[in-house]
Amino acid sequence: MSPNDRVCHGQMSIFRPIDICHRELSALHMPEQISPQAEKLFKALKKAGAISEDKSVTAEKATSLSLLPKAQCMNALQELEKKAIVKKKTKGNSVSYFLAKTDL
Protein backbone atom coordinates (compact mmCIF):
# COMPACT_ATOMS: atom_id res chain seq x y z
CA MET A 1 0.00 0.00 0.00
CA SER A 2 1.55 3.27 -1.11
CA PRO A 3 0.85 6.72 0.41
CA ASN A 4 -1.46 7.52 -2.53
CA ASP A 5 -3.71 4.49 -1.93
CA ARG A 6 -7.02 5.37 -0.37
CA VAL A 7 -10.01 3.39 0.83
CA CYS A 8 -13.28 4.67 -0.61
CA HIS A 9 -16.34 3.34 1.28
CA GLY A 10 -14.82 -0.09 1.85
CA GLN A 11 -13.31 -0.45 -1.61
CA MET A 12 -9.58 -0.23 -2.15
CA SER A 13 -8.77 2.24 -4.92
CA ILE A 14 -5.70 4.07 -6.04
CA PHE A 15 -6.27 7.82 -6.15
CA ARG A 16 -3.97 10.67 -6.90
CA PRO A 17 -4.09 13.21 -4.04
CA ILE A 18 -6.43 15.48 -6.04
CA ASP A 19 -8.99 12.73 -6.77
CA ILE A 20 -11.98 12.22 -4.51
CA CYS A 21 -14.49 9.43 -4.12
CA HIS A 22 -17.50 9.50 -6.46
CA ARG A 23 -19.89 9.56 -3.47
CA GLU A 24 -18.08 12.55 -2.02
CA LEU A 25 -18.32 14.30 -5.40
CA SER A 26 -22.06 13.71 -5.71
CA ALA A 27 -22.58 15.00 -2.16
CA LEU A 28 -20.83 18.25 -3.08
CA HIS A 29 -23.27 19.00 -5.90
CA MET A 30 -26.49 17.83 -4.22
CA PRO A 31 -28.36 20.23 -1.93
CA GLU A 32 -29.45 18.96 1.47
CA GLN A 33 -32.49 16.73 1.24
CA ILE A 34 -35.15 17.12 3.90
CA SER A 35 -38.42 15.31 4.39
CA PRO A 36 -41.70 16.80 3.14
CA GLN A 37 -42.83 17.26 6.75
CA ALA A 38 -39.67 19.22 7.59
CA GLU A 39 -40.15 21.37 4.50
CA LYS A 40 -43.77 22.07 5.48
CA LEU A 41 -42.71 23.01 9.01
CA PHE A 42 -39.92 25.26 7.66
CA LYS A 43 -42.37 27.12 5.42
CA ALA A 44 -44.86 27.51 8.30
CA LEU A 45 -42.19 28.89 10.64
CA LYS A 46 -40.96 31.28 7.96
CA LYS A 47 -44.51 32.49 7.23
CA ALA A 48 -45.11 33.02 10.97
CA GLY A 49 -41.95 35.12 11.20
CA ALA A 50 -40.02 32.90 13.62
CA ILE A 51 -36.68 34.03 12.21
CA SER A 52 -35.00 35.36 15.33
CA GLU A 53 -34.58 34.37 18.95
CA ASP A 54 -37.05 36.97 20.21
CA LYS A 55 -39.73 35.76 17.74
CA SER A 56 -39.29 32.06 18.53
CA VAL A 57 -42.31 29.73 18.86
CA THR A 58 -43.05 26.75 21.10
CA ALA A 59 -43.39 23.22 19.77
CA GLU A 60 -47.16 23.38 20.30
CA LYS A 61 -47.39 26.59 18.27
CA ALA A 62 -45.20 25.05 15.54
CA THR A 63 -47.54 22.05 15.45
CA SER A 64 -50.61 24.23 15.01
CA LEU A 65 -48.90 26.44 12.39
CA SER A 66 -47.73 23.52 10.25
CA LEU A 67 -50.96 21.49 10.59
CA LEU A 68 -48.84 18.36 11.09
CA PRO A 69 -49.55 15.69 13.69
CA LYS A 70 -47.56 16.30 16.87
CA ALA A 71 -45.16 13.36 16.44
CA GLN A 72 -44.40 14.29 12.83
CA CYS A 73 -43.83 17.91 13.83
CA MET A 74 -41.44 16.93 16.62
CA ASN A 75 -39.52 14.64 14.23
CA ALA A 76 -39.34 17.46 11.68
CA LEU A 77 -38.07 19.86 14.36
CA GLN A 78 -35.34 17.38 15.30
CA GLU A 79 -34.40 16.89 11.64
CA LEU A 80 -34.16 20.64 11.03
CA GLU A 81 -32.24 21.14 14.25
CA LYS A 82 -29.76 18.42 13.29
CA LYS A 83 -29.14 20.19 9.96
CA ALA A 84 -28.71 23.54 11.76
CA ILE A 85 -31.73 25.08 10.02
CA VAL A 86 -33.66 25.53 13.28
CA LYS A 87 -32.21 26.46 16.66
CA LYS A 88 -33.64 25.57 20.05
CA LYS A 89 -33.86 28.15 22.83
CA THR A 90 -34.40 27.00 26.39
CA LYS A 91 -35.48 29.29 29.19
CA GLY A 92 -36.27 27.57 32.45
CA ASN A 93 -38.70 24.77 31.64
CA SER A 94 -39.91 26.21 28.33
CA VAL A 95 -38.36 25.40 24.95
CA SER A 96 -38.89 27.44 21.82
CA TYR A 97 -37.61 27.23 18.26
CA PHE A 98 -36.61 29.73 15.59
CA LEU A 99 -35.09 29.58 12.11
CA ALA A 100 -31.33 29.94 11.91
CA LYS A 101 -31.44 29.85 8.08
CA THR A 102 -34.16 31.56 6.10
CA ASP A 103 -33.69 29.50 2.94
CA LEU A 104 -33.25 25.80 2.24
PDB file of N, CA and C in Angstrom:
ATOM      1  N   MET A   1       0.847  -1.172   0.000  1.00  0.00           N
ATOM      2  CA  MET A   1       0.000   0.000   0.000  1.00  0.00           C
ATOM      3  C   MET A   1       0.897   1.241   0.000  1.00  0.00           C
ATOM      4  N   SER A   2       0.745   2.056  -1.002  1.00  0.00           N
ATOM      5  CA  SER A   2       1.554   3.267  -1.113  1.00  0.00           C
ATOM      6  C   SER A   2       0.829   4.439  -0.432  1.00  0.00           C
ATOM      7  N   PRO A   3       1.515   5.566  -0.233  1.00  0.00           N
ATOM      8  CA  PRO A   3       0.854   6.719   0.407  1.00  0.00           C
ATOM      9  C   PRO A   3      -0.317   7.270  -0.392  1.00  0.00           C
ATOM     10  N   ASN A   4      -0.363   7.003  -1.709  1.00  0.00           N
ATOM     11  CA  ASN A   4      -1.456   7.523  -2.530  1.00  0.00           C
ATOM     12  C   ASN A   4      -2.659   6.601  -2.562  1.00  0.00           C
ATOM     13  N   ASP A   5      -2.569   5.398  -1.977  1.00  0.00           N
ATOM     14  CA  ASP A   5      -3.712   4.487  -1.929  1.00  0.00           C
ATOM     15  C   ASP A   5      -4.714   5.016  -0.918  1.00  0.00           C
ATOM     16  N   ARG A   6      -5.974   4.837  -1.230  1.00  0.00           N
ATOM     17  CA  ARG A   6      -7.024   5.368  -0.365  1.00  0.00           C
ATOM     18  C   ARG A   6      -8.198   4.408  -0.374  1.00  0.00           C
ATOM     19  N   VAL A   7      -8.830   4.244   0.748  1.00  0.00           N
ATOM     20  CA  VAL A   7     -10.011   3.387   0.834  1.00  0.00           C
ATOM     21  C   VAL A   7     -11.231   4.273   0.648  1.00  0.00           C
ATOM     22  N   CYS A   8     -12.083   3.903  -0.307  1.00  0.00           N
ATOM     23  CA  CYS A   8     -13.279   4.668  -0.606  1.00  0.00           C
ATOM     24  C   CYS A   8     -14.489   3.816  -0.275  1.00  0.00           C
ATOM     25  N   HIS A   9     -15.128   4.050   0.854  1.00  0.00           N
ATOM     26  CA  HIS A   9     -16.336   3.337   1.283  1.00  0.00           C
ATOM     27  C   HIS A   9     -16.151   1.820   1.195  1.00  0.00           C
ATOM     28  N   GLY A  10     -15.049   1.342   1.775  1.00  0.00           N
ATOM     29  CA  GLY A  10     -14.820  -0.093   1.848  1.00  0.00           C
ATOM     30  C   GLY A  10     -14.137  -0.685   0.635  1.00  0.00           C
ATOM     31  N   GLN A  11     -13.956   0.053  -0.421  1.00  0.00           N
ATOM     32  CA  GLN A  11     -13.306  -0.449  -1.614  1.00  0.00           C
ATOM     33  C   GLN A  11     -11.920   0.156  -1.715  1.00  0.00           C
ATOM     34  N   MET A  12     -10.940  -0.703  -2.002  1.00  0.00           N
ATOM     35  CA  MET A  12      -9.576  -0.226  -2.147  1.00  0.00           C
ATOM     36  C   MET A  12      -9.415   0.355  -3.546  1.00  0.00           C
ATOM     37  N   SER A  13      -8.984   1.590  -3.638  1.00  0.00           N
ATOM     38  CA  SER A  13      -8.770   2.241  -4.920  1.00  0.00           C
ATOM     39  C   SER A  13      -7.497   3.058  -4.845  1.00  0.00           C
ATOM     40  N   ILE A  14      -6.873   3.226  -5.981  1.00  0.00           N
ATOM     41  CA  ILE A  14      -5.696   4.073  -6.039  1.00  0.00           C
ATOM     42  C   ILE A  14      -6.128   5.424  -6.573  1.00  0.00           C
ATOM     43  N   PHE A  15      -5.896   6.471  -5.780  1.00  0.00           N
ATOM     44  CA  PHE A  15      -6.269   7.823  -6.154  1.00  0.00           C
ATOM     45  C   PHE A  15      -5.034   8.698  -6.129  1.00  0.00           C
ATOM     46  N   ARG A  16      -4.958   9.610  -7.028  1.00  0.00           N
ATOM     47  CA  ARG A  16      -3.972  10.674  -6.902  1.00  0.00           C
ATOM     48  C   ARG A  16      -4.484  11.603  -5.805  1.00  0.00           C
ATOM     49  N   PRO A  17      -3.628  12.370  -5.151  1.00  0.00           N
ATOM     50  CA  PRO A  17      -4.095  13.210  -4.043  1.00  0.00           C
ATOM     51  C   PRO A  17      -5.234  14.153  -4.408  1.00  0.00           C
ATOM     52  N   ILE A  18      -5.374  14.546  -5.665  1.00  0.00           N
ATOM     53  CA  ILE A  18      -6.431  15.479  -6.044  1.00  0.00           C
ATOM     54  C   ILE A  18      -7.774  14.784  -6.275  1.00  0.00           C
ATOM     55  N   ASP A  19      -7.753  13.465  -6.523  1.00  0.00           N
ATOM     56  CA  ASP A  19      -8.988  12.727  -6.774  1.00  0.00           C
ATOM     57  C   ASP A  19      -9.791  12.564  -5.495  1.00  0.00           C
ATOM     58  N   ILE A  20     -11.116  12.505  -5.654  1.00  0.00           N
ATOM     59  CA  ILE A  20     -11.980  12.222  -4.512  1.00  0.00           C
ATOM     60  C   ILE A  20     -12.956  11.121  -4.897  1.00  0.00           C
ATOM     61  N   CYS A  21     -13.544  10.528  -3.920  1.00  0.00           N
ATOM     62  CA  CYS A  21     -14.486   9.430  -4.124  1.00  0.00           C
ATOM     63  C   CYS A  21     -15.727   9.935  -4.863  1.00  0.00           C
ATOM     64  N   HIS A  22     -16.315   9.087  -5.706  1.00  0.00           N
ATOM     65  CA  HIS A  22     -17.504   9.497  -6.465  1.00  0.00           C
ATOM     66  C   HIS A  22     -18.669   9.865  -5.558  1.00  0.00           C
ATOM     67  N   ARG A  23     -18.811   9.213  -4.403  1.00  0.00           N
ATOM     68  CA  ARG A  23     -19.889   9.556  -3.472  1.00  0.00           C
ATOM     69  C   ARG A  23     -19.651  10.930  -2.861  1.00  0.00           C
ATOM     70  N   GLU A  24     -18.399  11.234  -2.549  1.00  0.00           N
ATOM     71  CA  GLU A  24     -18.083  12.554  -2.016  1.00  0.00           C
ATOM     72  C   GLU A  24     -18.369  13.627  -3.054  1.00  0.00           C
ATOM     73  N   LEU A  25     -18.090  13.338  -4.321  1.00  0.00           N
ATOM     74  CA  LEU A  25     -18.320  14.298  -5.397  1.00  0.00           C
ATOM     75  C   LEU A  25     -19.812  14.569  -5.570  1.00  0.00           C
ATOM     76  N   SER A  26     -20.621  13.505  -5.546  1.00  0.00           N
ATOM     77  CA  SER A  26     -22.061  13.712  -5.710  1.00  0.00           C
ATOM     78  C   SER A  26     -22.644  14.459  -4.521  1.00  0.00           C
ATOM     79  N   ALA A  27     -22.087  14.285  -3.332  1.00  0.00           N
ATOM     80  CA  ALA A  27     -22.576  15.000  -2.159  1.00  0.00           C
ATOM     81  C   ALA A  27     -22.259  16.488  -2.242  1.00  0.00           C
ATOM     82  N   LEU A  28     -21.175  16.844  -2.942  1.00  0.00           N
ATOM     83  CA  LEU A  28     -20.826  18.253  -3.080  1.00  0.00           C
ATOM     84  C   LEU A  28     -21.822  19.002  -3.959  1.00  0.00           C
ATOM     85  N   HIS A  29     -22.384  18.338  -4.956  1.00  0.00           N
ATOM     86  CA  HIS A  29     -23.267  19.000  -5.899  1.00  0.00           C
ATOM     87  C   HIS A  29     -24.740  18.885  -5.536  1.00  0.00           C
ATOM     88  N   MET A  30     -25.090  18.059  -4.572  1.00  0.00           N
ATOM     89  CA  MET A  30     -26.494  17.834  -4.218  1.00  0.00           C
ATOM     90  C   MET A  30     -26.868  18.678  -3.003  1.00  0.00           C
ATOM     91  N   PRO A  31     -27.924  19.474  -3.099  1.00  0.00           N
ATOM     92  CA  PRO A  31     -28.356  20.232  -1.927  1.00  0.00           C
ATOM     93  C   PRO A  31     -28.890  19.288  -0.854  1.00  0.00           C
ATOM     94  N   GLU A  32     -28.952  19.784   0.380  1.00  0.00           N
ATOM     95  CA  GLU A  32     -29.451  18.955   1.471  1.00  0.00           C
ATOM     96  C   GLU A  32     -30.882  18.524   1.195  1.00  0.00           C
ATOM     97  N   GLN A  33     -31.145  17.264   1.408  1.00  0.00           N
ATOM     98  CA  GLN A  33     -32.486  16.733   1.239  1.00  0.00           C
ATOM     99  C   GLN A  33     -33.163  16.687   2.602  1.00  0.00           C
ATOM    100  N   ILE A  34     -34.371  17.212   2.670  1.00  0.00           N
ATOM    101  CA  ILE A  34     -35.148  17.122   3.895  1.00  0.00           C
ATOM    102  C   ILE A  34     -36.494  16.495   3.564  1.00  0.00           C
ATOM    103  N   SER A  35     -37.139  15.977   4.577  1.00  0.00           N
ATOM    104  CA  SER A  35     -38.418  15.308   4.386  1.00  0.00           C
ATOM    105  C   SER A  35     -39.504  16.338   4.048  1.00  0.00           C
ATOM    106  N   PRO A  36     -40.599  15.878   3.442  1.00  0.00           N
ATOM    107  CA  PRO A  36     -41.703  16.802   3.137  1.00  0.00           C
ATOM    108  C   PRO A  36     -42.293  17.450   4.393  1.00  0.00           C
ATOM    109  N   GLN A  37     -42.316  16.706   5.499  1.00  0.00           N
ATOM    110  CA  GLN A  37     -42.832  17.265   6.745  1.00  0.00           C
ATOM    111  C   GLN A  37     -41.922  18.393   7.247  1.00  0.00           C
ATOM    112  N   ALA A  38     -40.610  18.192   7.154  1.00  0.00           N
ATOM    113  CA  ALA A  38     -39.667  19.223   7.593  1.00  0.00           C
ATOM    114  C   ALA A  38     -39.772  20.458   6.709  1.00  0.00           C
ATOM    115  N   GLU A  39     -39.988  20.241   5.417  1.00  0.00           N
ATOM    116  CA  GLU A  39     -40.147  21.372   4.504  1.00  0.00           C
ATOM    117  C   GLU A  39     -41.426  22.157   4.826  1.00  0.00           C
ATOM    118  N   LYS A  40     -42.503  21.425   5.127  1.00  0.00           N
ATOM    119  CA  LYS A  40     -43.771  22.072   5.475  1.00  0.00           C
ATOM    120  C   LYS A  40     -43.629  22.872   6.765  1.00  0.00           C
ATOM    121  N   LEU A  41     -42.942  22.310   7.745  1.00  0.00           N
ATOM    122  CA  LEU A  41     -42.709  23.007   9.005  1.00  0.00           C
ATOM    123  C   LEU A  41     -41.833  24.240   8.783  1.00  0.00           C
ATOM    124  N   PHE A  42     -40.797  24.121   7.965  1.00  0.00           N
ATOM    125  CA  PHE A  42     -39.924  25.258   7.664  1.00  0.00           C
ATOM    126  C   PHE A  42     -40.724  26.405   7.059  1.00  0.00           C
ATOM    127  N   LYS A  43     -41.566  26.083   6.084  1.00  0.00           N
ATOM    128  CA  LYS A  43     -42.370  27.122   5.425  1.00  0.00           C
ATOM    129  C   LYS A  43     -43.342  27.773   6.410  1.00  0.00           C
ATOM    130  N   ALA A  44     -43.920  26.970   7.308  1.00  0.00           N
ATOM    131  CA  ALA A  44     -44.857  27.510   8.299  1.00  0.00           C
ATOM    132  C   ALA A  44     -44.141  28.437   9.276  1.00  0.00           C
ATOM    133  N   LEU A  45     -42.948  28.048   9.718  1.00  0.00           N
ATOM    134  CA  LEU A  45     -42.194  28.895  10.638  1.00  0.00           C
ATOM    135  C   LEU A  45     -41.758  30.188   9.961  1.00  0.00           C
ATOM    136  N   LYS A  46     -41.381  30.087   8.707  1.00  0.00           N
ATOM    137  CA  LYS A  46     -40.962  31.280   7.964  1.00  0.00           C
ATOM    138  C   LYS A  46     -42.143  32.227   7.773  1.00  0.00           C
ATOM    139  N   LYS A  47     -43.308  31.666   7.430  1.00  0.00           N
ATOM    140  CA  LYS A  47     -44.510  32.485   7.232  1.00  0.00           C
ATOM    141  C   LYS A  47     -44.943  33.158   8.540  1.00  0.00           C
ATOM    142  N   ALA A  48     -44.741  32.458   9.657  1.00  0.00           N
ATOM    143  CA  ALA A  48     -45.114  33.015  10.965  1.00  0.00           C
ATOM    144  C   ALA A  48     -44.104  34.043  11.463  1.00  0.00           C
ATOM    145  N   GLY A  49     -42.941  34.117  10.816  1.00  0.00           N
ATOM    146  CA  GLY A  49     -41.948  35.116  11.195  1.00  0.00           C
ATOM    147  C   GLY A  49     -41.029  34.697  12.325  1.00  0.00           C
ATOM    148  N   ALA A  50     -40.896  33.400  12.554  1.00  0.00           N
ATOM    149  CA  ALA A  50     -40.019  32.905  13.622  1.00  0.00           C
ATOM    150  C   ALA A  50     -38.581  32.830  13.114  1.00  0.00           C
ATOM    151  N   ILE A  51     -38.013  33.999  12.818  1.00  0.00           N
ATOM    152  CA  ILE A  51     -36.685  34.026  12.207  1.00  0.00           C
ATOM    153  C   ILE A  51     -35.613  34.570  13.144  1.00  0.00           C
ATOM    154  N   SER A  52     -35.988  34.888  14.364  1.00  0.00           N
ATOM    155  CA  SER A  52     -34.995  35.359  15.331  1.00  0.00           C
ATOM    156  C   SER A  52     -35.356  34.821  16.709  1.00  0.00           C
ATOM    157  N   GLU A  53     -34.397  34.930  17.608  1.00  0.00           N
ATOM    158  CA  GLU A  53     -34.578  34.370  18.946  1.00  0.00           C
ATOM    159  C   GLU A  53     -35.744  35.013  19.699  1.00  0.00           C
ATOM    160  N   ASP A  54     -35.954  36.300  19.502  1.00  0.00           N
ATOM    161  CA  ASP A  54     -37.053  36.966  20.214  1.00  0.00           C
ATOM    162  C   ASP A  54     -38.421  36.672  19.603  1.00  0.00           C
ATOM    163  N   LYS A  55     -38.455  36.113  18.385  1.00  0.00           N
ATOM    164  CA  LYS A  55     -39.728  35.755  17.743  1.00  0.00           C
ATOM    165  C   LYS A  55     -39.929  34.240  17.693  1.00  0.00           C
ATOM    166  N   SER A  56     -39.223  33.514  18.545  1.00  0.00           N
ATOM    167  CA  SER A  56     -39.292  32.056  18.531  1.00  0.00           C
ATOM    168  C   SER A  56     -40.675  31.558  18.966  1.00  0.00           C
ATOM    169  N   VAL A  57     -41.006  30.322  18.556  1.00  0.00           N
ATOM    170  CA  VAL A  57     -42.308  29.726  18.863  1.00  0.00           C
ATOM    171  C   VAL A  57     -42.105  28.407  19.600  1.00  0.00           C
ATOM    172  N   THR A  58     -43.106  28.025  20.380  1.00  0.00           N
ATOM    173  CA  THR A  58     -43.052  26.754  21.099  1.00  0.00           C
ATOM    174  C   THR A  58     -43.356  25.607  20.134  1.00  0.00           C
ATOM    175  N   ALA A  59     -43.101  24.393  20.588  1.00  0.00           N
ATOM    176  CA  ALA A  59     -43.389  23.218  19.768  1.00  0.00           C
ATOM    177  C   ALA A  59     -44.893  23.096  19.503  1.00  0.00           C
ATOM    178  N   GLU A  60     -45.700  23.441  20.477  1.00  0.00           N
ATOM    179  CA  GLU A  60     -47.156  23.382  20.296  1.00  0.00           C
ATOM    180  C   GLU A  60     -47.614  24.375  19.238  1.00  0.00           C
ATOM    181  N   LYS A  61     -47.044  25.573  19.272  1.00  0.00           N
ATOM    182  CA  LYS A  61     -47.385  26.591  18.271  1.00  0.00           C
ATOM    183  C   LYS A  61     -46.907  26.149  16.888  1.00  0.00           C
ATOM    184  N   ALA A  62     -45.712  25.553  16.816  1.00  0.00           N
ATOM    185  CA  ALA A  62     -45.195  25.050  15.540  1.00  0.00           C
ATOM    186  C   ALA A  62     -46.092  23.953  14.989  1.00  0.00           C
ATOM    187  N   THR A  63     -46.628  23.119  15.869  1.00  0.00           N
ATOM    188  CA  THR A  63     -47.539  22.051  15.447  1.00  0.00           C
ATOM    189  C   THR A  63     -48.814  22.643  14.861  1.00  0.00           C
ATOM    190  N   SER A  64     -49.368  23.639  15.518  1.00  0.00           N
ATOM    191  CA  SER A  64     -50.609  24.234  15.010  1.00  0.00           C
ATOM    192  C   SER A  64     -50.361  25.040  13.731  1.00  0.00           C
ATOM    193  N   LEU A  65     -49.201  25.676  13.608  1.00  0.00           N
ATOM    194  CA  LEU A  65     -48.900  26.437  12.391  1.00  0.00           C
ATOM    195  C   LEU A  65     -48.722  25.529  11.179  1.00  0.00           C
ATOM    196  N   SER A  66     -48.044  24.401  11.380  1.00  0.00           N
ATOM    197  CA  SER A  66     -47.726  23.520  10.253  1.00  0.00           C
ATOM    198  C   SER A  66     -48.863  22.566   9.896  1.00  0.00           C
ATOM    199  N   LEU A  67     -49.838  22.425  10.779  1.00  0.00           N
ATOM    200  CA  LEU A  67     -50.963  21.494  10.587  1.00  0.00           C
ATOM    201  C   LEU A  67     -50.493  20.046  10.448  1.00  0.00           C
ATOM    202  N   LEU A  68     -49.353  19.732  11.064  1.00  0.00           N
ATOM    203  CA  LEU A  68     -48.837  18.361  11.086  1.00  0.00           C
ATOM    204  C   LEU A  68     -49.241  17.702  12.400  1.00  0.00           C
ATOM    205  N   PRO A  69     -49.360  16.377  12.413  1.00  0.00           N
ATOM    206  CA  PRO A  69     -49.554  15.689  13.694  1.00  0.00           C
ATOM    207  C   PRO A  69     -48.354  15.954  14.611  1.00  0.00           C
ATOM    208  N   LYS A  70     -48.587  15.908  15.914  1.00  0.00           N
ATOM    209  CA  LYS A  70     -47.555  16.304  16.873  1.00  0.00           C
ATOM    210  C   LYS A  70     -46.263  15.502  16.722  1.00  0.00           C
ATOM    211  N   ALA A  71     -46.357  14.195  16.568  1.00  0.00           N
ATOM    212  CA  ALA A  71     -45.158  13.355  16.441  1.00  0.00           C
ATOM    213  C   ALA A  71     -44.366  13.710  15.186  1.00  0.00           C
ATOM    214  N   GLN A  72     -45.076  13.930  14.071  1.00  0.00           N
ATOM    215  CA  GLN A  72     -44.395  14.292  12.829  1.00  0.00           C
ATOM    216  C   GLN A  72     -43.741  15.665  12.956  1.00  0.00           C
ATOM    217  N   CYS A  73     -44.390  16.581  13.637  1.00  0.00           N
ATOM    218  CA  CYS A  73     -43.832  17.914  13.832  1.00  0.00           C
ATOM    219  C   CYS A  73     -42.579  17.846  14.701  1.00  0.00           C
ATOM    220  N   MET A  74     -42.609  17.063  15.750  1.00  0.00           N
ATOM    221  CA  MET A  74     -41.437  16.930  16.617  1.00  0.00           C
ATOM    222  C   MET A  74     -40.279  16.282  15.871  1.00  0.00           C
ATOM    223  N   ASN A  75     -40.569  15.268  15.041  1.00  0.00           N
ATOM    224  CA  ASN A  75     -39.516  14.643  14.235  1.00  0.00           C
ATOM    225  C   ASN A  75     -38.945  15.634  13.231  1.00  0.00           C
ATOM    226  N   ALA A  76     -39.796  16.449  12.639  1.00  0.00           N
ATOM    227  CA  ALA A  76     -39.344  17.460  11.684  1.00  0.00           C
ATOM    228  C   ALA A  76     -38.490  18.514  12.381  1.00  0.00           C
ATOM    229  N   LEU A  77     -38.872  18.907  13.588  1.00  0.00           N
ATOM    230  CA  LEU A  77     -38.073  19.863  14.358  1.00  0.00           C
ATOM    231  C   LEU A  77     -36.684  19.291  14.656  1.00  0.00           C
ATOM    232  N   GLN A  78     -36.621  18.016  15.030  1.00  0.00           N
ATOM    233  CA  GLN A  78     -35.338  17.376  15.299  1.00  0.00           C
ATOM    234  C   GLN A  78     -34.487  17.303  14.038  1.00  0.00           C
ATOM    235  N   GLU A  79     -35.118  16.974  12.911  1.00  0.00           N
ATOM    236  CA  GLU A  79     -34.400  16.894  11.638  1.00  0.00           C
ATOM    237  C   GLU A  79     -33.822  18.256  11.253  1.00  0.00           C
ATOM    238  N   LEU A  80     -34.631  19.300  11.365  1.00  0.00           N
ATOM    239  CA  LEU A  80     -34.163  20.643  11.025  1.00  0.00           C
ATOM    240  C   LEU A  80     -33.101  21.133  12.005  1.00  0.00           C
ATOM    241  N   GLU A  81     -33.238  20.746  13.256  1.00  0.00           N
ATOM    242  CA  GLU A  81     -32.243  21.138  14.251  1.00  0.00           C
ATOM    243  C   GLU A  81     -30.910  20.433  13.989  1.00  0.00           C
ATOM    244  N   LYS A  82     -30.974  19.176  13.591  1.00  0.00           N
ATOM    245  CA  LYS A  82     -29.759  18.416  13.286  1.00  0.00           C
ATOM    246  C   LYS A  82     -29.019  19.012  12.090  1.00  0.00           C
ATOM    247  N   LYS A  83     -29.754  19.581  11.145  1.00  0.00           N
ATOM    248  CA  LYS A  83     -29.144  20.189   9.961  1.00  0.00           C
ATOM    249  C   LYS A  83     -28.850  21.673  10.156  1.00  0.00           C
ATOM    250  N   ALA A  84     -29.003  22.155  11.378  1.00  0.00           N
ATOM    251  CA  ALA A  84     -28.708  23.542  11.761  1.00  0.00           C
ATOM    252  C   ALA A  84     -29.567  24.553  11.017  1.00  0.00           C
ATOM    253  N   ILE A  85     -30.785  24.171  10.659  1.00  0.00           N
ATOM    254  CA  ILE A  85     -31.726  25.083  10.018  1.00  0.00           C
ATOM    255  C   ILE A  85     -32.587  25.756  11.086  1.00  0.00           C
ATOM    256  N   VAL A  86     -32.879  25.017  12.152  1.00  0.00           N
ATOM    257  CA  VAL A  86     -33.663  25.527  13.277  1.00  0.00           C
ATOM    258  C   VAL A  86     -32.790  25.471  14.526  1.00  0.00           C
ATOM    259  N   LYS A  87     -32.927  26.464  15.377  1.00  0.00           N
ATOM    260  CA  LYS A  87     -32.210  26.457  16.655  1.00  0.00           C
ATOM    261  C   LYS A  87     -33.218  26.390  17.793  1.00  0.00           C
ATOM    262  N   LYS A  88     -32.793  25.733  18.865  1.00  0.00           N
ATOM    263  CA  LYS A  88     -33.636  25.570  20.052  1.00  0.00           C
ATOM    264  C   LYS A  88     -33.176  26.555  21.121  1.00  0.00           C
ATOM    265  N   LYS A  89     -34.150  27.221  21.740  1.00  0.00           N
ATOM    266  CA  LYS A  89     -33.858  28.154  22.826  1.00  0.00           C
ATOM    267  C   LYS A  89     -34.556  27.649  24.074  1.00  0.00           C
ATOM    268  N   THR A  90     -33.800  27.459  25.138  1.00  0.00           N
ATOM    269  CA  THR A  90     -34.400  27.003  26.389  1.00  0.00           C
ATOM    270  C   THR A  90     -34.322  28.131  27.416  1.00  0.00           C
ATOM    271  N   LYS A  91     -35.418  28.293  28.120  1.00  0.00           N
ATOM    272  CA  LYS A  91     -35.478  29.294  29.191  1.00  0.00           C
ATOM    273  C   LYS A  91     -36.286  28.680  30.322  1.00  0.00           C
ATOM    274  N   GLY A  92     -35.591  28.257  31.353  1.00  0.00           N
ATOM    275  CA  GLY A  92     -36.269  27.570  32.446  1.00  0.00           C
ATOM    276  C   GLY A  92     -36.793  26.226  31.966  1.00  0.00           C
ATOM    277  N   ASN A  93     -38.086  26.020  32.090  1.00  0.00           N
ATOM    278  CA  ASN A  93     -38.703  24.775  31.643  1.00  0.00           C
ATOM    279  C   ASN A  93     -39.252  24.868  30.227  1.00  0.00           C
ATOM    280  N   SER A  94     -39.307  26.062  29.660  1.00  0.00           N
ATOM    281  CA  SER A  94     -39.906  26.211  28.330  1.00  0.00           C
ATOM    282  C   SER A  94     -38.837  26.107  27.243  1.00  0.00           C
ATOM    283  N   VAL A  95     -39.232  25.549  26.117  1.00  0.00           N
ATOM    284  CA  VAL A  95     -38.357  25.399  24.952  1.00  0.00           C
ATOM    285  C   VAL A  95     -39.059  26.039  23.767  1.00  0.00           C
ATOM    286  N   SER A  96     -38.319  26.828  23.028  1.00  0.00           N
ATOM    287  CA  SER A  96     -38.888  27.438  21.825  1.00  0.00           C
ATOM    288  C   SER A  96     -37.893  27.302  20.684  1.00  0.00           C
ATOM    289  N   TYR A  97     -38.392  27.452  19.466  1.00  0.00           N
ATOM    290  CA  TYR A  97     -37.607  27.228  18.256  1.00  0.00           C
ATOM    291  C   TYR A  97     -37.702  28.431  17.337  1.00  0.00           C
ATOM    292  N   PHE A  98     -36.606  28.677  16.605  1.00  0.00           N
ATOM    293  CA  PHE A  98     -36.611  29.727  15.587  1.00  0.00           C
ATOM    294  C   PHE A  98     -35.687  29.303  14.455  1.00  0.00           C
ATOM    295  N   LEU A  99     -35.875  29.924  13.286  1.00  0.00           N
ATOM    296  CA  LEU A  99     -35.092  29.578  12.107  1.00  0.00           C
ATOM    297  C   LEU A  99     -33.720  30.238  12.169  1.00  0.00           C
ATOM    298  N   ALA A 100     -32.681  29.421  11.980  1.00  0.00           N
ATOM    299  CA  ALA A 100     -31.326  29.944  11.906  1.00  0.00           C
ATOM    300  C   ALA A 100     -30.989  30.300  10.456  1.00  0.00           C
ATOM    301  N   LYS A 101     -31.599  29.575   9.516  1.00  0.00           N
ATOM    302  CA  LYS A 101     -31.440  29.850   8.081  1.00  0.00           C
ATOM    303  C   LYS A 101     -32.801  30.197   7.522  1.00  0.00           C
ATOM    304  N   THR A 102     -32.866  31.177   6.657  1.00  0.00           N
ATOM    305  CA  THR A 102     -34.163  31.562   6.100  1.00  0.00           C
ATOM    306  C   THR A 102     -34.399  30.995   4.714  1.00  0.00           C
ATOM    307  N   ASP A 103     -33.460  30.184   4.217  1.00  0.00           N
ATOM    308  CA  ASP A 103     -33.687  29.496   2.943  1.00  0.00           C
ATOM    309  C   ASP A 103     -33.116  28.080   3.030  1.00  0.00           C
ATOM    310  N   LEU A 104     -33.721  27.192   2.255  1.00  0.00           N
ATOM    311  CA  LEU A 104     -33.249  25.804   2.244  1.00  0.00           C
ATOM    312  C   LEU A 104     -32.199  25.671   1.240  1.00  0.00           C
TER     313      LEU A 104
END
